[in-house]
Amino acid sequence: MSEFKCHHCEESLQGKKYVQKDGANYCMTCFDSHCANICQECHKPIGADSKEVCYKEQFWHNTCFKCSKCSQPLATETFVAWDKNILCNKCATRDTFPKCKGCLKDIEEGDHNVEYKGTIWHKNCFVCTNCKDIIGTKNFFPKDEGFYCVTCYDALFTKYCMKCKKPITSGGVSYQDQPWHSECFVCVSCSKELSGQRFTAMDDQYFCVDCYKNYIAKKCAGCKNPITGFGKGANVVAHEQNSWHDYCFNCKTCSVNLANKHFVFHDEQVYCPDCAKNL
């Protein structure tokens, strides 16, 4: 019969405590020094006299196997492995809670909250970007990266129509950096809406092309038609109290166009210098 001895130090194990591992027998000292598993928490050997917890080929002293968040002992409890951590059921549940965008803390079951486009806040953390008052579940306006209560949004961003002085909630017309409702930006004479139309401004009043031609525009001293400043008649020649379309500013005798040329004005008529010699 072979002698019953330690596989490592070969000392007799007769009448002594020993540990069997992988088919070999070890004295307590050799087992602790050379064969014991290393604890994942304290990094010390798990001796033969210690209780051991094994999970997925990793080992802990039973007293080291704790929740990584609250340190609750888990050797005899159910647990959850979450993101390389060991968690008790309570902490694991808490880690799955959404985070408040305002305070970055958990929004737990039963908390009052506000959700907008996939982002969530505690009700009391959802505040106006400007005045910091709690918006909660009241009406608000999102703008850029902020959220504004109705009062602050109205004061900071709402434009008011130059005519009716009421807020412009959508659309509208801007002329010379002044806002108008489309239905308020109209011809002062015929009330035709001017948005998207040609118009003329005079003394802070606005006229459609037809009303300007019929009631406001000066008449050309040549063709007697209105000088609107639009299209072919955009260029104007003025002399004393008279105005002409540039294409109507012609010599009374030879009809040569005198726009940007020397001319002679005689008896309410325009002449070129050569024709003026014969007057």
Protein backbone atom coordinates (compact mmCIF):
# COMPACT_ATOMS: atom_id res chain seq x y z
CA MET A 1 0.00 0.00 0.00
CA SER A 2 1.46 3.38 -1.09
CA GLU A 3 2.11 6.04 1.53
CA PHE A 4 -0.70 8.65 1.90
CA LYS A 5 1.15 11.95 1.46
CA CYS A 6 0.84 15.55 0.16
CA HIS A 7 1.15 15.82 -3.61
CA HIS A 8 3.28 18.96 -3.28
CA CYS A 9 5.51 18.65 -0.19
CA GLU A 10 5.22 14.88 0.07
CA GLU A 11 4.68 14.99 3.81
CA SER A 12 2.47 12.27 5.22
CA LEU A 13 -1.21 13.14 5.46
CA GLN A 14 -1.95 10.27 7.81
CA GLY A 15 -4.22 11.59 10.57
CA LYS A 16 -4.08 15.16 9.19
CA LYS A 17 -6.61 17.43 7.49
CA TYR A 18 -6.12 17.62 3.75
CA VAL A 19 -7.78 18.89 0.57
CA GLN A 20 -8.34 16.93 -2.61
CA LYS A 21 -8.15 18.84 -5.91
CA ASP A 22 -7.96 17.53 -9.47
CA GLY A 23 -7.43 14.00 -8.16
CA ALA A 24 -4.46 14.95 -5.94
CA ASN A 25 -4.25 15.38 -2.17
CA TYR A 26 -2.71 18.44 -0.51
CA CYS A 27 -1.92 19.38 3.04
CA MET A 28 -3.70 22.51 4.21
CA THR A 29 -0.53 24.63 4.00
CA CYS A 30 0.35 23.60 0.44
CA PHE A 31 -3.21 24.01 -0.72
CA ASP A 32 -3.42 27.58 0.62
CA SER A 33 -0.01 28.49 -0.83
CA HIS A 34 -0.18 26.83 -4.24
CA CYS A 35 -3.68 25.68 -5.16
CA ALA A 36 -6.20 28.07 -3.64
CA ASN A 37 -8.29 30.27 -5.95
CA ILE A 38 -7.76 34.05 -5.77
CA CYS A 39 -10.67 36.21 -4.63
CA GLN A 40 -11.87 38.68 -7.31
CA GLU A 41 -12.58 41.30 -4.65
CA CYS A 42 -9.68 41.27 -2.16
CA HIS A 43 -7.19 39.45 -4.43
CA LYS A 44 -6.10 37.14 -1.61
CA PRO A 45 -6.11 33.33 -1.72
CA ILE A 46 -9.32 31.62 -0.67
CA GLY A 47 -7.99 29.19 1.92
CA ALA A 48 -9.23 25.65 2.49
CA ASP A 49 -10.98 26.73 5.68
CA SER A 50 -12.80 29.63 3.90
CA LYS A 51 -16.19 29.45 2.22
CA GLU A 52 -16.03 30.18 -1.49
CA VAL A 53 -18.46 31.57 -4.10
CA CYS A 54 -17.94 30.66 -7.75
CA TYR A 55 -19.60 32.42 -10.69
CA LYS A 56 -18.56 31.99 -14.33
CA GLU A 57 -15.14 30.56 -13.39
CA GLN A 58 -14.42 33.47 -11.04
CA PHE A 59 -14.11 33.13 -7.28
CA TRP A 60 -14.78 35.18 -4.14
CA HIS A 61 -14.60 34.69 -0.41
CA ASN A 62 -18.23 34.39 0.61
CA THR A 63 -17.74 37.53 2.74
CA CYS A 64 -16.32 39.40 -0.29
CA PHE A 65 -19.19 38.54 -2.61
CA LYS A 66 -21.17 41.79 -2.27
CA CYS A 67 -23.26 44.18 -4.36
CA SER A 68 -20.86 46.57 -6.07
CA LYS A 69 -23.26 49.45 -5.44
CA CYS A 70 -24.60 49.04 -1.89
CA SER A 71 -22.23 46.35 -0.55
CA GLN A 72 -25.05 44.07 0.53
CA PRO A 73 -23.68 40.47 1.06
CA LEU A 74 -24.88 38.25 -1.75
CA ALA A 75 -23.39 34.81 -0.94
CA THR A 76 -26.82 33.47 0.01
CA GLU A 77 -28.93 35.93 -2.04
CA THR A 78 -30.05 36.16 -5.66
CA PHE A 79 -28.05 38.66 -7.70
CA VAL A 80 -27.68 40.15 -11.18
CA ALA A 81 -24.52 40.48 -13.27
CA TRP A 82 -24.72 43.93 -14.94
CA ASP A 83 -21.96 45.54 -17.02
CA LYS A 84 -19.22 43.41 -15.37
CA ASN A 85 -20.60 44.23 -11.91
CA ILE A 86 -22.43 42.07 -9.39
CA LEU A 87 -25.59 43.82 -8.18
CA CYS A 88 -28.35 43.00 -5.74
CA ASN A 89 -31.83 42.93 -7.24
CA LYS A 90 -32.69 46.36 -5.85
CA CYS A 91 -29.61 48.09 -7.31
CA ALA A 92 -29.99 46.23 -10.59
CA THR A 93 -33.54 47.53 -10.89
CA ARG A 94 -32.41 51.06 -10.05
CA ASP A 95 -29.69 50.95 -12.73
CA THR A 96 -32.33 50.33 -15.36
CA PHE A 97 -34.23 53.49 -14.41
CA PRO A 98 -33.96 56.40 -16.87
CA LYS A 99 -31.89 59.43 -15.83
CA CYS A 100 -33.39 62.89 -15.42
CA LYS A 101 -32.00 65.33 -18.00
CA GLY A 102 -32.03 68.06 -15.37
CA CYS A 103 -30.47 66.57 -12.21
CA LEU A 104 -29.02 63.40 -13.82
CA LYS A 105 -30.51 61.29 -11.02
CA ASP A 106 -32.70 58.22 -11.45
CA ILE A 107 -36.36 58.64 -12.26
CA GLU A 108 -37.77 55.87 -10.14
CA GLU A 109 -41.11 54.15 -10.32
CA GLY A 110 -43.83 56.47 -9.04
CA ASP A 111 -41.85 59.69 -9.68
CA HIS A 112 -43.75 62.44 -11.51
CA ASN A 113 -41.95 63.16 -14.76
CA VAL A 114 -42.13 64.99 -18.08
CA GLU A 115 -41.08 63.39 -21.37
CA TYR A 116 -40.42 65.27 -24.59
CA LYS A 117 -39.00 63.74 -27.78
CA GLY A 118 -37.39 60.80 -26.01
CA THR A 119 -35.85 62.86 -23.18
CA ILE A 120 -37.20 62.68 -19.64
CA TRP A 121 -37.10 64.99 -16.60
CA HIS A 122 -38.41 64.93 -13.06
CA LYS A 123 -41.48 67.17 -13.10
CA ASN A 124 -39.73 69.73 -10.86
CA CYS A 125 -36.53 69.60 -12.93
CA PHE A 126 -38.28 70.63 -16.15
CA VAL A 127 -37.83 74.41 -15.87
CA CYS A 128 -37.87 77.46 -18.14
CA THR A 129 -34.44 78.13 -19.65
CA ASN A 130 -34.87 81.86 -19.02
CA CYS A 131 -36.66 82.40 -15.68
CA LYS A 132 -35.99 78.91 -14.18
CA ASP A 133 -39.60 78.61 -13.01
CA ILE A 134 -40.92 75.05 -13.03
CA ILE A 135 -42.78 74.30 -16.25
CA GLY A 136 -43.85 70.85 -15.13
CA THR A 137 -46.83 69.85 -17.25
CA LYS A 138 -47.82 73.42 -18.25
CA ASN A 139 -47.61 74.74 -21.79
CA PHE A 140 -44.12 75.57 -23.08
CA PHE A 141 -42.26 76.42 -26.27
CA PRO A 142 -39.07 74.61 -27.39
CA LYS A 143 -36.47 76.78 -29.14
CA ASP A 144 -32.95 75.73 -30.15
CA GLU A 145 -31.75 73.67 -27.16
CA GLY A 146 -33.97 75.41 -24.59
CA PHE A 147 -37.53 75.29 -23.29
CA TYR A 148 -39.47 78.41 -22.39
CA CYS A 149 -42.61 79.10 -20.42
CA VAL A 150 -45.31 80.99 -22.30
CA THR A 151 -44.50 84.31 -20.61
CA CYS A 152 -40.75 84.19 -21.36
CA TYR A 153 -41.21 82.96 -24.91
CA ASP A 154 -43.67 85.76 -25.56
CA ALA A 155 -41.25 88.37 -24.14
CA LEU A 156 -38.13 87.02 -25.85
CA PHE A 157 -39.23 85.69 -29.22
CA THR A 158 -42.79 86.65 -30.16
CA LYS A 159 -43.04 89.26 -32.91
CA TYR A 160 -45.93 91.71 -32.94
CA CYS A 161 -47.58 92.98 -36.09
CA MET A 162 -46.78 96.64 -36.87
CA LYS A 163 -50.41 97.27 -37.80
CA CYS A 164 -52.68 95.37 -35.41
CA LYS A 165 -50.07 94.97 -32.61
CA LYS A 166 -51.13 91.34 -32.09
CA PRO A 167 -48.60 88.46 -31.94
CA ILE A 168 -47.54 86.74 -35.14
CA THR A 169 -47.77 83.04 -34.34
CA SER A 170 -46.87 81.70 -37.79
CA GLY A 171 -45.87 82.99 -41.21
CA GLY A 172 -46.04 86.73 -41.52
CA VAL A 173 -44.18 89.28 -43.62
CA SER A 174 -41.02 91.21 -42.83
CA TYR A 175 -40.26 94.54 -44.48
CA GLN A 176 -37.27 96.62 -43.39
CA ASP A 177 -36.94 94.42 -40.28
CA GLN A 178 -40.52 95.12 -39.26
CA PRO A 179 -43.00 92.23 -38.89
CA TRP A 180 -46.55 92.12 -40.21
CA HIS A 181 -49.36 89.62 -40.53
CA SER A 182 -49.80 88.85 -44.23
CA GLU A 183 -53.40 90.02 -43.98
CA CYS A 184 -52.25 93.30 -42.36
CA PHE A 185 -49.58 94.16 -44.91
CA VAL A 186 -51.93 95.62 -47.52
CA CYS A 187 -52.24 98.51 -49.96
CA VAL A 188 -53.42 101.58 -48.08
CA SER A 189 -55.71 102.47 -50.96
CA CYS A 190 -57.39 99.22 -52.10
CA SER A 191 -56.49 96.87 -49.19
CA LYS A 192 -54.95 94.30 -51.54
CA GLU A 193 -52.44 92.04 -49.74
CA LEU A 194 -48.90 92.97 -50.80
CA SER A 195 -47.08 89.80 -49.71
CA GLY A 196 -45.27 88.44 -52.77
CA GLN A 197 -46.37 91.42 -54.87
CA ARG A 198 -44.55 94.49 -56.13
CA PHE A 199 -45.40 97.57 -54.13
CA THR A 200 -44.17 101.07 -53.37
CA ALA A 201 -43.62 102.66 -49.97
CA MET A 202 -44.24 106.37 -49.49
CA ASP A 203 -44.38 108.25 -46.19
CA ASP A 204 -44.71 104.97 -44.24
CA GLN A 205 -47.63 103.92 -46.40
CA TYR A 206 -47.66 101.07 -48.89
CA PHE A 207 -49.32 100.99 -52.29
CA CYS A 208 -49.83 98.24 -54.83
CA VAL A 209 -48.53 99.04 -58.32
CA ASP A 210 -51.97 99.87 -59.73
CA CYS A 211 -52.93 102.26 -56.94
CA TYR A 212 -49.53 103.90 -57.02
CA LYS A 213 -49.81 104.50 -60.77
CA ASN A 214 -53.37 105.79 -60.58
CA TYR A 215 -53.20 107.98 -57.50
CA ILE A 216 -49.63 108.71 -56.40
CA ALA A 217 -47.11 108.49 -59.24
CA LYS A 218 -46.02 111.61 -61.07
CA LYS A 219 -47.00 111.81 -64.73
CA CYS A 220 -44.30 111.84 -67.39
CA ALA A 221 -44.05 115.26 -69.04
CA GLY A 222 -43.44 113.44 -72.31
CA CYS A 223 -45.96 110.55 -72.64
CA LYS A 224 -48.25 111.71 -69.79
CA ASN A 225 -48.28 108.16 -68.32
CA PRO A 226 -47.41 107.44 -64.64
CA ILE A 227 -43.76 107.11 -63.67
CA THR A 228 -43.84 104.04 -61.46
CA GLY A 229 -40.15 103.26 -61.10
CA PHE A 230 -40.85 99.67 -62.26
CA GLY A 231 -39.72 97.84 -65.36
CA LYS A 232 -38.89 99.91 -68.41
CA GLY A 233 -39.72 103.12 -66.55
CA ALA A 234 -37.34 102.51 -63.69
CA ASN A 235 -35.00 105.35 -64.70
CA VAL A 236 -36.33 108.87 -64.35
CA VAL A 237 -35.14 112.30 -65.46
CA ALA A 238 -36.25 115.25 -63.34
CA HIS A 239 -35.88 118.96 -64.09
CA GLU A 240 -37.44 121.74 -62.06
CA GLN A 241 -41.03 120.57 -61.36
CA ASN A 242 -41.16 118.14 -64.27
CA SER A 243 -40.28 114.43 -64.57
CA TRP A 244 -39.84 112.13 -67.57
CA HIS A 245 -39.24 108.46 -68.20
CA ASP A 246 -35.65 108.38 -69.41
CA TYR A 247 -36.84 107.01 -72.78
CA CYS A 248 -39.31 109.94 -73.10
CA PHE A 249 -36.69 112.62 -72.45
CA ASN A 250 -36.30 113.54 -76.15
CA CYS A 251 -35.64 116.68 -78.15
CA LYS A 252 -38.93 118.30 -79.11
CA THR A 253 -37.67 118.97 -82.65
CA CYS A 254 -35.42 116.04 -83.71
CA SER A 255 -36.54 113.45 -81.12
CA VAL A 256 -32.98 112.46 -80.12
CA ASN A 257 -32.90 111.06 -76.62
CA LEU A 258 -31.28 113.50 -74.19
CA ALA A 259 -31.02 111.35 -71.04
CA ASN A 260 -27.53 111.93 -69.58
CA LYS A 261 -26.80 114.55 -72.28
CA HIS A 262 -26.76 118.35 -72.48
CA PHE A 263 -30.15 119.89 -73.24
CA VAL A 264 -31.96 123.20 -73.36
CA PHE A 265 -35.26 123.67 -71.54
CA HIS A 266 -37.40 126.32 -73.28
CA ASP A 267 -41.07 127.09 -72.91
CA GLU A 268 -41.76 123.83 -71.03
CA GLN A 269 -40.07 121.80 -73.80
CA VAL A 270 -36.74 120.03 -74.09
CA TYR A 271 -34.34 120.60 -77.01
CA CYS A 272 -30.92 119.36 -77.99
CA PRO A 273 -28.30 122.16 -78.18
CA ASP A 274 -28.33 122.12 -82.03
CA CYS A 275 -32.11 122.45 -82.33
CA ALA A 276 -32.14 125.08 -79.60
CA LYS A 277 -30.05 127.38 -81.84
CA ASN A 278 -33.02 127.69 -84.20
CA LEU A 279 -35.48 128.79 -81.53
